[in-house]
Amino acid sequence: MAILECKGLSKSYGPVRALDGVDFAVASGRIVGLLGPNGSGKTTLIKLANGLLTPSAGQILINGQAPGVETKKAVSYLPERSCLPEWMSAAQLMGFYGDFYADFDRAVAEAMLARLNIDVKARLKHLSKGNREKVQLIMVMARRAQLYLLDEPIGGVDPAARDFILSTIISNYNPTATVILSTHLIADVERVLDDVIFINQGKVVLAAPADQLREQQGKSVDQIFREVFRC
């Protein structure tokens, strides 16, 4: 059974159709790039998978179920923007996540925070923007989830932070789990991807294993992306 499956999935906001008849299935144990320009429908799709929006038509399924209370136990979600209460410290956040999620591994979170020399007693509002984003990623990746939904995790950080974020994703997720990584910065993430899904104007325009694409076309995924989405 696919961990994530879309069947004729559409989502409209009034007259604007953000997703239009999306069909694909993602197997377990894969790191998948959900790739497309800004405004292509990536965030809408991830919010639908997380149960924050409801489809206008079609289905989106997590382990064969529509998003809801049960699927949230299997999904760890990193939103596009920081959503953590800034009056809390990282230590308080670990307690908060531990109370909410049975699969939260505090020891893993503590080890990652220590590696970054982040003061776990400091309130988030006293940390730099980059460190706040790293704390949020650490909370997400310290869960032992089946599906990680990461919306633009490298969009607003410097190149050194991108390297940390990607290494954290690779080294801390359960290899039987699946990571959906939404981004338009293809060159930075290409090396970690098993599969790619190109989405544009709410439609899937290409979906394939990354190695297969490179072999067939003799180009990097980034080069193929630039050709597909050339203005």
Protein backbone atom coordinates (compact mmCIF):
# COMPACT_ATOMS: atom_id res chain seq x y z
CA MET A 1 0.00 0.00 0.00
CA ALA A 2 1.23 3.50 -0.84
CA ILE A 3 1.98 5.74 2.15
CA LEU A 4 0.59 8.72 0.20
CA GLU A 5 -1.83 8.54 -2.72
CA CYS A 6 -3.71 11.20 -4.67
CA LYS A 7 -6.66 10.25 -6.89
CA GLY A 8 -8.09 12.99 -9.09
CA LEU A 9 -7.24 15.45 -6.33
CA SER A 10 -8.44 19.03 -6.88
CA LYS A 11 -8.62 22.05 -4.63
CA SER A 12 -10.18 25.39 -5.49
CA TYR A 13 -10.21 28.71 -3.67
CA GLY A 14 -13.25 30.39 -5.17
CA PRO A 15 -12.59 30.68 -8.91
CA VAL A 16 -8.88 29.81 -8.50
CA ARG A 17 -7.97 26.14 -8.92
CA ALA A 18 -4.81 25.46 -6.89
CA LEU A 19 -4.77 21.71 -7.70
CA ASP A 20 -6.37 20.20 -10.77
CA GLY A 21 -6.85 16.42 -11.03
CA VAL A 22 -3.61 15.34 -9.35
CA ASP A 23 -2.80 11.61 -9.52
CA PHE A 24 0.25 9.91 -8.01
CA ALA A 25 1.28 7.37 -5.39
CA VAL A 26 4.37 7.38 -3.15
CA ALA A 27 5.85 4.22 -1.65
CA SER A 28 7.40 3.88 1.79
CA GLY A 29 11.13 4.32 2.29
CA ARG A 30 11.61 7.10 -0.28
CA ILE A 31 12.79 10.71 -0.20
CA VAL A 32 10.60 12.50 -2.71
CA GLY A 33 11.06 15.98 -4.12
CA LEU A 34 7.79 17.84 -4.69
CA LEU A 35 9.22 20.35 -7.12
CA GLY A 36 7.68 23.36 -8.76
CA PRO A 37 7.83 27.15 -8.99
CA ASN A 38 6.22 29.34 -6.34
CA GLY A 39 2.42 29.21 -6.64
CA SER A 40 2.37 25.81 -8.34
CA GLY A 41 0.25 24.10 -5.65
CA LYS A 42 2.94 22.45 -3.50
CA THR A 43 1.84 23.98 -0.19
CA THR A 44 -1.82 23.28 -0.91
CA LEU A 45 -1.02 19.62 -1.53
CA ILE A 46 0.98 19.31 1.68
CA LYS A 47 -1.77 21.02 3.70
CA LEU A 48 -4.32 18.60 2.23
CA ALA A 49 -2.13 15.64 3.22
CA ASN A 50 -1.90 17.04 6.74
CA GLY A 51 -5.67 17.49 7.02
CA LEU A 52 -5.49 21.30 7.20
CA LEU A 53 -7.58 21.65 4.04
CA THR A 54 -10.28 19.48 2.49
CA PRO A 55 -10.34 18.52 -1.21
CA SER A 56 -12.78 20.17 -3.59
CA ALA A 57 -12.81 16.90 -5.59
CA GLY A 58 -10.98 13.59 -5.61
CA GLN A 59 -9.10 11.93 -2.75
CA ILE A 60 -5.86 12.15 -0.83
CA LEU A 61 -5.01 9.10 1.29
CA ILE A 62 -2.42 8.40 3.99
CA ASN A 63 -1.97 4.63 4.45
CA GLY A 64 -5.28 4.22 2.64
CA GLN A 65 -7.14 6.62 4.97
CA ALA A 66 -8.40 10.15 4.46
CA PRO A 67 -6.42 12.64 6.59
CA GLY A 68 -7.75 12.79 10.14
CA VAL A 69 -6.94 11.97 13.74
CA GLU A 70 -5.47 8.55 12.94
CA THR A 71 -3.26 9.71 10.06
CA LYS A 72 -1.82 12.54 12.17
CA LYS A 73 -0.19 9.86 14.31
CA ALA A 74 1.82 8.80 11.26
CA VAL A 75 2.63 12.25 9.82
CA SER A 76 5.25 14.75 10.97
CA TYR A 77 4.70 18.16 9.36
CA LEU A 78 7.04 21.10 8.89
CA PRO A 79 5.05 24.15 7.72
CA GLU A 80 6.42 26.76 5.36
CA ARG A 81 6.50 29.37 8.13
CA SER A 82 7.55 29.02 11.76
CA CYS A 83 4.58 28.17 13.97
CA LEU A 84 6.30 27.67 17.33
CA PRO A 85 5.32 29.85 20.32
CA GLU A 86 8.29 32.15 20.80
CA TRP A 87 7.79 32.47 24.55
CA MET A 88 8.76 28.81 24.92
CA SER A 89 12.29 27.42 25.16
CA ALA A 90 13.56 24.36 23.30
CA ALA A 91 13.39 22.44 26.58
CA GLN A 92 9.72 23.36 26.99
CA LEU A 93 9.06 22.47 23.35
CA MET A 94 10.49 19.00 23.84
CA GLY A 95 8.07 18.45 26.71
CA PHE A 96 5.23 19.83 24.58
CA TYR A 97 6.03 17.53 21.63
CA GLY A 98 6.51 14.58 23.98
CA ASP A 99 3.02 15.13 25.41
CA PHE A 100 1.41 15.38 21.98
CA TYR A 101 3.26 12.67 20.06
CA ALA A 102 3.92 9.18 21.37
CA ASP A 103 6.65 8.74 18.74
CA PHE A 104 8.67 11.81 19.79
CA ASP A 105 12.24 10.81 20.71
CA ARG A 106 13.53 13.39 23.19
CA ALA A 107 17.03 11.92 23.24
CA VAL A 108 17.34 12.44 19.47
CA ALA A 109 16.13 16.04 19.78
CA GLU A 110 18.54 16.75 22.65
CA ALA A 111 21.48 15.34 20.68
CA MET A 112 20.71 17.51 17.63
CA LEU A 113 20.27 20.65 19.76
CA ALA A 114 23.57 19.96 21.53
CA ARG A 115 25.36 19.49 18.19
CA LEU A 116 24.23 23.00 17.21
CA ASN A 117 25.14 24.47 20.61
CA ILE A 118 21.58 25.77 20.99
CA ASP A 119 20.78 26.83 24.56
CA VAL A 120 17.72 24.73 25.37
CA LYS A 121 16.77 27.10 28.21
CA ALA A 122 16.68 30.22 26.02
CA ARG A 123 13.29 31.39 24.77
CA LEU A 124 12.86 31.06 21.02
CA LYS A 125 12.39 34.82 20.65
CA HIS A 126 15.97 35.27 21.89
CA LEU A 127 17.39 32.92 19.22
CA SER A 128 18.39 33.96 15.71
CA LYS A 129 15.88 33.36 12.92
CA GLY A 130 18.08 30.57 11.55
CA ASN A 131 18.29 28.83 14.92
CA ARG A 132 14.52 29.10 15.43
CA GLU A 133 14.02 27.36 12.09
CA LYS A 134 16.53 24.67 13.05
CA VAL A 135 14.71 24.08 16.35
CA GLN A 136 11.44 23.60 14.49
CA LEU A 137 13.05 21.15 12.06
CA ILE A 138 14.59 19.23 14.96
CA MET A 139 11.20 18.86 16.65
CA VAL A 140 9.72 17.52 13.40
CA MET A 141 12.57 15.12 12.62
CA ALA A 142 12.81 13.79 16.21
CA ARG A 143 9.50 12.03 15.71
CA ARG A 144 9.53 8.41 14.52
CA ALA A 145 6.87 9.07 11.93
CA GLN A 146 5.94 7.13 8.80
CA LEU A 147 5.60 10.23 6.62
CA TYR A 148 7.45 13.54 6.92
CA LEU A 149 5.91 16.49 5.07
CA LEU A 150 8.49 19.28 4.80
CA ASP A 151 7.27 22.47 3.15
CA GLU A 152 10.18 24.59 1.84
CA PRO A 153 12.56 23.60 4.67
CA ILE A 154 15.54 25.33 3.01
CA GLY A 155 13.77 28.30 1.42
CA GLY A 156 14.83 31.03 3.82
CA VAL A 157 18.18 29.87 5.21
CA ASP A 158 21.80 30.37 4.22
CA PRO A 159 23.84 27.68 2.35
CA ALA A 160 25.56 26.39 5.50
CA ALA A 161 22.19 25.97 7.22
CA ARG A 162 20.87 24.15 4.14
CA ASP A 163 23.65 21.58 4.48
CA PHE A 164 22.72 21.03 8.13
CA ILE A 165 19.05 20.71 7.32
CA LEU A 166 19.64 18.15 4.55
CA SER A 167 22.05 16.11 6.67
CA THR A 168 19.49 16.18 9.51
CA ILE A 169 16.78 14.90 7.18
CA ILE A 170 18.99 12.10 5.84
CA SER A 171 20.40 10.96 9.17
CA ASN A 172 17.35 11.18 11.41
CA TYR A 173 14.39 9.77 9.54
CA ASN A 174 13.40 6.13 9.77
CA PRO A 175 14.62 4.50 6.51
CA THR A 176 11.28 2.69 6.19
CA ALA A 177 9.50 6.06 6.33
CA THR A 178 8.92 8.52 3.49
CA VAL A 179 9.97 12.15 3.24
CA ILE A 180 8.09 14.57 0.97
CA LEU A 181 10.34 17.57 0.47
CA SER A 182 8.70 20.58 -1.19
CA THR A 183 11.06 23.13 -2.76
CA HIS A 184 11.95 25.17 -5.81
CA LEU A 185 15.69 25.08 -4.93
CA ILE A 186 16.45 21.88 -6.83
CA ALA A 187 20.24 22.03 -6.98
CA ASP A 188 20.47 22.07 -3.17
CA VAL A 189 18.32 18.97 -2.60
CA GLU A 190 18.93 16.88 -5.72
CA ARG A 191 21.58 14.67 -4.12
CA VAL A 192 19.17 13.34 -1.48
CA LEU A 193 16.16 12.60 -3.72
CA ASP A 194 14.98 9.12 -4.70
CA ASP A 195 11.95 10.32 -6.67
CA VAL A 196 10.73 13.61 -8.10
CA ILE A 197 7.26 14.99 -8.76
CA PHE A 198 7.14 18.13 -10.91
CA ILE A 199 4.02 20.20 -10.33
CA ASN A 200 2.95 23.32 -12.19
CA GLN A 201 -0.28 25.32 -12.11
CA GLY A 202 -1.89 22.62 -10.01
CA LYS A 203 -1.05 19.71 -12.32
CA VAL A 204 1.59 16.99 -12.14
CA VAL A 205 3.72 17.38 -15.26
CA LEU A 206 6.36 14.73 -14.48
CA ALA A 207 6.82 12.00 -11.85
CA ALA A 208 9.69 9.50 -11.93
CA PRO A 209 12.67 8.10 -9.99
CA ALA A 210 15.48 10.69 -9.99
CA ASP A 211 18.13 8.24 -11.25
CA GLN A 212 15.88 7.14 -14.11
CA LEU A 213 15.39 10.74 -15.23
CA ARG A 214 19.10 11.47 -15.14
CA GLU A 215 19.93 8.29 -17.06
CA GLN A 216 17.26 8.78 -19.72
CA GLN A 217 17.93 12.46 -20.35
CA GLY A 218 21.63 12.71 -19.52
CA LYS A 219 20.99 15.76 -17.37
CA SER A 220 20.66 16.63 -13.72
CA VAL A 221 17.22 16.97 -12.17
CA ASP A 222 17.93 20.68 -11.80
CA GLN A 223 18.64 21.00 -15.54
CA ILE A 224 15.47 19.07 -16.40
CA PHE A 225 13.48 21.26 -14.00
CA ARG A 226 14.80 24.44 -15.66
CA GLU A 227 13.77 23.11 -19.07
CA VAL A 228 10.30 22.02 -17.97
CA PHE A 229 9.61 25.32 -16.21
CA ARG A 230 11.41 27.68 -18.59
CA CYS A 231 9.57 31.01 -18.71
